[in-house]
Protein backbone atom coordinates (compact mmCIF):
# COMPACT_ATOMS: atom_id res chain seq x y z
CA MET A 1 -6.37 -4.79 18.44
CA LYS A 2 -4.84 -1.32 18.36
CA GLU A 3 -6.98 1.41 19.88
CA GLN A 4 -5.17 4.06 17.84
CA ILE A 5 -4.51 4.68 14.18
CA ARG A 6 -2.26 7.27 12.54
CA VAL A 7 -4.08 9.87 10.42
CA SER A 8 -2.64 12.55 8.14
CA MET A 9 -3.24 16.15 9.20
CA GLY A 10 -5.11 16.87 5.96
CA THR A 11 -7.42 13.94 6.61
CA LEU A 12 -8.00 15.09 10.20
CA ARG A 13 -9.09 18.45 8.81
CA VAL A 14 -11.67 16.77 6.56
CA LEU A 15 -12.85 14.63 9.48
CA GLY A 16 -13.32 17.74 11.63
CA MET A 17 -10.59 16.72 14.08
CA GLU A 18 -8.02 19.42 13.30
CA ILE A 19 -8.08 23.02 12.07
CA LEU A 20 -5.55 24.08 9.41
CA GLU A 21 -5.50 26.15 6.25
CA THR A 22 -5.15 24.58 2.81
CA ASP A 23 -6.18 25.27 -0.76
CA ALA A 24 -6.71 21.58 -1.52
CA ASP A 25 -8.33 19.06 0.81
CA PRO A 26 -7.46 15.38 0.34
CA THR A 27 -10.04 13.38 -1.57
CA THR A 28 -8.64 10.21 -0.01
CA ALA A 29 -8.37 9.55 3.73
CA TYR A 30 -4.72 8.78 4.48
CA LEU A 31 -4.32 6.40 7.42
CA GLN A 32 -1.55 4.22 8.81
CA THR A 33 -1.44 1.24 11.13
CA TYR A 34 -0.21 2.33 14.56
CA GLU A 35 2.69 0.76 16.41
CA PRO A 36 4.69 2.50 19.16
CA GLY A 37 8.30 2.73 18.14
CA ARG A 38 9.84 2.24 14.74
CA CYS A 39 9.43 0.02 11.70
CA SER A 40 11.53 -3.15 11.66
CA ALA A 41 12.69 -2.29 8.13
CA ASN A 42 15.34 0.37 7.54
CA CYS A 43 14.59 2.14 4.26
CA ALA A 44 17.16 4.94 4.05
CA PHE A 45 14.67 7.64 3.01
CA CYS A 46 12.00 6.85 5.62
CA SER A 47 11.47 8.81 8.83
CA GLN A 48 10.00 5.70 10.50
CA ALA A 49 12.96 3.44 9.63
CA LYS A 50 14.54 1.27 12.29
CA HIS A 51 17.69 3.39 12.56
CA SER A 52 16.18 6.77 11.71
CA LYS A 53 16.30 9.59 14.24
CA SER A 54 13.41 11.50 12.65
CA LYS A 55 10.06 11.99 14.32
CA ASP A 56 8.08 8.79 13.86
CA GLU A 57 4.85 10.71 13.19
CA ASN A 58 6.15 11.78 9.76
CA ILE A 59 5.61 10.11 6.41
CA ALA A 60 7.70 12.14 3.97
CA ARG A 61 6.74 15.73 4.92
CA GLY A 62 3.30 14.67 6.10
CA LEU A 63 2.45 14.52 9.79
CA TYR A 64 0.41 11.46 10.89
CA PRO A 65 -0.46 11.79 14.61
CA PRO A 66 -2.24 8.87 16.31
CA ARG A 67 -5.96 9.17 17.01
CA ASP A 68 -8.69 6.95 18.47
CA THR A 69 -9.45 4.24 15.92
CA LYS A 70 -13.21 4.03 16.55
CA GLU A 71 -13.70 7.79 16.36
CA VAL A 72 -11.73 8.02 13.12
CA ILE A 73 -13.76 5.22 11.52
CA THR A 74 -17.05 6.77 12.63
CA ARG A 75 -16.11 10.16 11.22
CA LEU A 76 -14.74 8.54 8.07
CA ALA A 77 -18.14 6.97 7.37
CA LYS A 78 -19.86 10.35 7.79
CA ALA A 79 -17.35 12.13 5.55
CA TYR A 80 -17.84 9.50 2.84
CA SER A 81 -21.63 9.70 3.08
CA HIS A 82 -21.42 13.48 2.53
CA GLY A 83 -19.08 13.13 -0.45
CA LEU A 84 -16.11 14.70 1.34
CA LEU A 85 -13.93 11.62 0.83
CA LYS A 86 -13.92 9.11 -2.01
CA ARG A 87 -11.43 6.50 -0.80
CA ALA A 88 -9.44 5.38 2.24
CA CYS A 89 -5.75 4.50 1.90
CA ILE A 90 -4.21 2.50 4.73
CA GLN A 91 -0.43 2.58 4.86
CA THR A 92 1.57 0.14 6.94
CA MET A 93 4.72 -0.26 8.98
CA ASN A 94 6.63 -3.52 9.21
CA TYR A 95 6.17 -5.02 12.68
CA PRO A 96 4.95 -8.32 14.17
CA GLY A 97 1.17 -8.55 14.03
CA MET A 98 0.77 -5.83 11.39
CA ALA A 99 -1.33 -8.05 9.10
CA ASP A 100 -3.85 -8.69 11.88
CA ASP A 101 -4.06 -4.98 12.67
CA LEU A 102 -4.57 -4.16 8.99
CA LEU A 103 -7.31 -6.74 8.52
CA TYR A 104 -9.07 -5.44 11.63
CA ILE A 105 -9.03 -1.86 10.32
CA VAL A 106 -10.31 -2.85 6.87
CA ARG A 107 -13.14 -4.92 8.33
CA GLU A 108 -14.15 -2.20 10.80
CA ILE A 109 -14.24 0.45 8.07
CA LYS A 110 -16.37 -1.79 5.89
CA LYS A 111 -18.83 -2.42 8.73
CA SER A 112 -19.73 1.28 8.83
CA SER A 113 -19.13 2.47 5.27
CA GLY A 114 -18.97 1.51 1.63
CA ILE A 115 -15.89 3.64 1.03
CA PRO A 116 -13.37 1.97 -1.34
CA ILE A 117 -10.16 0.94 0.42
CA SER A 118 -6.57 0.79 -0.80
CA VAL A 119 -3.80 -0.79 1.28
CA SER A 120 -0.11 0.00 0.90
CA LEU A 121 2.14 -2.75 2.20
CA PHE A 122 5.34 -4.74 1.79
CA PRO A 123 5.19 -8.24 0.23
CA LEU A 124 2.98 -10.52 2.32
CA ALA A 125 1.81 -14.11 2.04
CA GLU A 126 -0.81 -14.76 -0.65
CA GLU A 127 -3.35 -15.86 1.96
CA VAL A 128 -3.08 -12.47 3.69
CA LEU A 129 -3.79 -10.72 0.40
CA ARG A 130 -6.78 -12.99 -0.16
CA GLU A 131 -8.06 -12.14 3.31
CA LEU A 132 -7.65 -8.44 2.60
CA LYS A 133 -9.64 -8.79 -0.59
CA ARG A 134 -12.39 -10.72 1.21
CA ALA A 135 -12.40 -8.08 3.95
CA GLY A 136 -13.12 -5.36 1.39
CA ALA A 137 -9.83 -3.89 0.10
CA ASP A 138 -10.16 -3.36 -3.65
CA GLN A 139 -6.71 -1.94 -4.45
CA VAL A 140 -3.23 -2.87 -3.23
CA VAL A 141 -0.01 -0.89 -3.42
CA ILE A 142 3.42 -2.50 -2.99
CA PRO A 143 6.01 0.29 -3.09
CA LEU A 144 9.22 -0.32 -5.02
CA ASP A 145 10.33 3.25 -4.29
CA ALA A 146 13.47 2.72 -6.41
CA VAL A 147 13.34 2.47 -10.21
CA SER A 148 16.18 -0.06 -10.52
CA LYS A 149 17.57 -3.02 -8.64
CA LYS A 150 20.82 -1.14 -7.96
CA ILE A 151 19.08 1.81 -6.32
CA PHE A 152 16.68 -0.54 -4.50
CA GLU A 153 19.61 -2.34 -2.87
CA GLU A 154 21.06 0.98 -1.74
CA VAL A 155 17.93 2.52 -0.25
CA LYS A 156 15.74 -0.34 0.98
CA GLY A 157 17.71 -3.55 0.46
CA LYS A 158 20.82 -5.18 1.88
CA LYS A 159 23.05 -2.09 1.67
CA SER A 160 20.60 -0.12 3.80
CA ARG A 161 20.38 -2.95 6.38
CA SER A 162 16.77 -3.57 5.37
CA PRO A 163 15.14 -6.98 4.69
CA TYR A 164 13.64 -6.32 1.27
CA GLN A 165 14.71 -7.73 -2.11
CA TRP A 166 13.98 -6.37 -5.60
CA GLU A 167 12.97 -9.77 -6.97
CA THR A 168 10.56 -10.40 -4.09
CA HIS A 169 8.87 -7.04 -4.61
CA MET A 170 8.52 -7.54 -8.36
CA LYS A 171 7.04 -11.01 -7.87
CA ALA A 172 4.66 -9.67 -5.22
CA LEU A 173 3.42 -7.03 -7.66
CA SER A 174 2.84 -9.64 -10.34
CA ASP A 175 1.05 -12.00 -7.93
CA ALA A 176 -1.11 -9.18 -6.56
CA ALA A 177 -2.11 -8.16 -10.10
CA SER A 178 -3.23 -11.73 -10.74
CA LEU A 179 -5.30 -11.75 -7.54
CA PHE A 180 -6.81 -8.24 -7.57
CA GLY A 181 -6.82 -7.79 -11.33
CA LYS A 182 -4.75 -5.58 -13.60
CA GLY A 183 -5.29 -1.92 -12.84
CA ASN A 184 -6.04 -2.61 -9.18
CA VAL A 185 -2.42 -2.88 -8.06
CA GLY A 186 0.00 0.02 -7.80
CA THR A 187 3.50 0.90 -6.72
CA HIS A 188 5.32 4.00 -5.51
CA LEU A 189 8.42 5.39 -7.22
CA ILE A 190 10.56 8.03 -5.53
CA ILE A 191 12.26 10.25 -8.09
CA GLY A 192 15.55 11.87 -7.08
CA LEU A 193 17.50 8.82 -5.87
CA GLY A 194 19.99 8.84 -8.73
CA GLU A 195 17.85 7.31 -11.49
CA THR A 196 18.00 8.26 -15.17
CA GLU A 197 14.98 9.09 -17.28
CA GLU A 198 15.72 6.12 -19.51
CA GLU A 199 15.81 3.49 -16.76
CA THR A 200 12.67 5.02 -15.26
CA ALA A 201 10.89 4.70 -18.62
CA TYR A 202 12.05 1.09 -18.89
CA LEU A 203 10.57 0.21 -15.48
CA LEU A 204 7.34 2.10 -16.24
CA GLN A 205 6.95 -0.01 -19.37
CA MET A 206 7.46 -3.22 -17.36
CA LEU A 207 4.88 -2.12 -14.82
CA THR A 208 2.37 -1.29 -17.56
CA TYR A 209 2.79 -4.77 -19.07
CA MET A 210 2.16 -6.23 -15.60
CA GLY A 211 -1.00 -4.14 -15.13
CA VAL A 212 0.54 -2.17 -12.26
CA TYR A 213 -0.06 1.58 -12.04
CA PRO A 214 2.69 3.91 -10.74
CA ALA A 215 2.52 6.78 -8.26
CA LEU A 216 5.37 9.28 -8.50
CA PHE A 217 6.93 11.02 -5.51
CA ALA A 218 9.69 13.61 -5.43
CA TYR A 219 12.36 12.75 -2.88
CA THR A 220 11.90 14.94 0.18
CA GLN A 221 14.60 15.42 2.79
CA VAL A 222 13.12 14.77 6.23
CA PRO A 223 15.01 16.24 9.23
CA ASP A 224 17.34 13.69 10.86
CA ALA A 225 16.61 10.99 8.23
CA GLN A 226 19.46 8.66 7.31
CA MET A 227 19.58 9.72 3.66
CA LYS A 228 20.87 13.19 2.76
CA ARG A 229 19.94 14.22 -0.77
CA ASP A 230 18.58 17.28 -2.52
CA PRO A 231 15.10 17.15 -4.11
CA PRO A 232 15.13 16.15 -7.80
CA ASN A 233 15.76 18.71 -10.51
CA ILE A 234 12.33 19.96 -11.57
CA GLY A 235 13.07 19.43 -15.27
CA HIS A 236 14.03 15.80 -14.62
CA TYR A 237 10.86 15.29 -12.59
CA ARG A 238 8.56 16.93 -15.15
CA ARG A 239 9.97 14.81 -17.99
CA ILE A 240 9.44 11.64 -15.95
CA GLN A 241 5.86 12.73 -15.21
CA LEU A 242 5.23 13.11 -18.94
CA ILE A 243 6.94 9.78 -19.71
CA CYS A 244 4.85 8.12 -16.99
CA HIS A 245 1.59 9.50 -18.36
CA LEU A 246 2.37 8.46 -21.93
CA ILE A 247 3.47 4.92 -21.07
CA SER A 248 0.90 4.11 -18.39
CA ASN A 249 -1.93 5.37 -20.63
CA LYS A 250 -0.48 3.46 -23.60
CA LEU A 251 -0.03 6.63 -25.65
CA SER A 252 3.62 5.76 -26.26
CA THR A 253 6.13 3.06 -25.34
CA TYR A 254 9.64 2.84 -23.99
CA GLY A 255 10.70 1.27 -27.29
CA GLY A 256 9.26 4.19 -29.23
CA MET A 257 11.07 6.81 -27.16
CA GLU A 258 14.62 8.02 -27.74
CA PHE A 259 17.22 8.81 -25.10
CA MET A 260 20.70 10.29 -25.03
CA ASN A 261 22.97 9.95 -22.00
CA GLY A 262 19.96 8.74 -20.01
CA LYS A 263 17.81 11.79 -20.84
CA ILE A 264 14.80 11.73 -23.13
CA VAL A 265 15.08 13.45 -26.51
CA SER A 266 11.90 12.08 -28.13
CA TYR A 267 8.66 10.96 -26.50
CA GLY A 268 7.76 8.72 -29.43
CA LYS A 269 4.48 10.52 -30.03
CA ASP A 270 3.34 13.11 -32.55
CA PRO A 271 4.87 16.42 -31.31
CA PHE A 272 1.63 18.33 -31.84
CA SER A 273 -0.44 15.90 -29.77
CA THR A 274 2.28 15.89 -27.08
CA GLU A 275 2.10 19.68 -26.93
CA ALA A 276 -1.68 19.52 -26.60
CA LEU A 277 -1.32 16.97 -23.79
CA ILE A 278 1.14 19.21 -21.94
CA ASP A 279 -1.35 22.08 -22.19
CA THR A 280 -3.99 20.05 -20.33
CA GLY A 281 -1.71 19.79 -17.29
CA VAL A 282 -2.97 16.26 -16.63
CA PRO A 283 0.46 14.52 -16.69
CA PHE A 284 1.59 16.76 -13.82
CA ARG A 285 -1.28 15.98 -11.49
CA THR A 286 -0.85 13.55 -8.59
CA LYS A 287 -0.67 9.90 -9.66
CA GLY A 288 -1.84 7.04 -7.49
CA CYS A 289 -4.93 5.03 -6.65
CA ALA A 290 -8.30 6.17 -7.93
CA ASP A 291 -9.30 9.54 -6.40
CA CYS A 292 -5.87 10.11 -4.81
CA ASN A 293 -4.68 13.72 -4.84
CA ARG A 294 -2.20 13.61 -1.90
CA PRO A 295 -1.96 17.37 -1.36
CA TYR A 296 1.55 18.69 -0.90
CA SER A 297 2.95 15.50 0.61
CA THR A 298 6.43 16.06 -0.84
CA GLU A 299 6.47 19.85 -1.16
CA GLU A 300 8.05 22.42 1.11
CA PRO A 301 5.78 25.34 2.03
CA GLY A 302 6.12 27.98 -0.66
CA GLY A 303 8.45 25.77 -2.70
CA ILE A 304 8.16 24.01 -6.04
CA ILE A 305 5.01 21.95 -6.54
CA TYR A 306 6.02 18.57 -7.94
CA ASN A 307 2.58 16.91 -7.97
CA TYR A 308 -0.42 19.18 -8.40
CA PRO A 309 -3.42 18.08 -6.27
CA ARG A 310 -5.81 20.03 -8.51
CA ASN A 311 -6.14 21.48 -12.00
CA LEU A 312 -3.29 23.76 -12.99
CA THR A 313 -3.79 27.48 -13.47
CA ASP A 314 -2.72 29.05 -16.78
CA GLN A 315 0.30 30.52 -15.04
CA GLU A 316 1.27 27.10 -13.64
CA SER A 317 0.86 25.48 -17.07
CA ASP A 318 3.22 28.05 -18.57
CA ALA A 319 5.75 27.36 -15.82
CA VAL A 320 5.53 23.60 -16.37
CA ARG A 321 6.21 24.01 -20.08
CA LYS A 322 9.43 25.89 -19.30
CA GLN A 323 10.41 23.42 -16.60
CA LEU A 324 10.27 20.50 -19.05
CA THR A 325 13.47 21.75 -20.73
CA GLU A 326 15.45 22.45 -17.54
CA GLY A 327 18.63 20.43 -17.20
CA LEU A 328 18.72 19.19 -20.82
């Protein structure tokens, strides 16, 4: 089995393996299976894609250098025992033997710690998922990344010379929800790939019916990546965050919302209670698995914060309120 595992820089700081400054430490340990070279898939936005020329240590803007697997697992157990970390999230590349590597990592972590484990992966055989559950993984994430079949085909399907299919991913999410239970399966959605607010709301409603929770990411341009796009308009992103919170928490529905030219004009909820919800700042916090705060994974230093890894300040709440109307 692999002697190394990729670890995010923020996680290495918490584990005492790197020194860096931050105002928000990760509450989840972000790990990735290690394989020299590139992923066999070719998602257009990914720095680790088969035909990408980006540094393969990057995931979005995050740096994931390889470290000794045994040392990382030992330190992870200590960090969990001291309450510094609440969950481990193991992300994966697509390469031969990945499932065996992933199962090994999950089992080794569980031998030394009771930390809850999420795994983020592409559709795999049902037996592999059952083995992961038996090994100790309690949550599974199968990233769609795109909010529609059309965009999926362009960025991680046939048009991007990648092996994935929209229907296969949707079925995998449904099957995983049946196996792990509703609320224990998630997906990633990258905002800024050309989607409308209406089609995003439609997908979010489908995912909620399936018992799948969404994690929102703002598209981030990685140097030398295949895809060249600007980050999403902040107003567009904020409105989708609010839509996501309302639908996934069953406070409103896609059918109850109103849209014009793809943009939302009514959230389908009492305006006063919507205003009160905005004031809490909760819809604009990082979404993902339990205890995931993913600090600044899609933000440029000193730039706009898309997903807040902590409670918002009063000044930030005021800014968010103004941002919600940008681009309407």
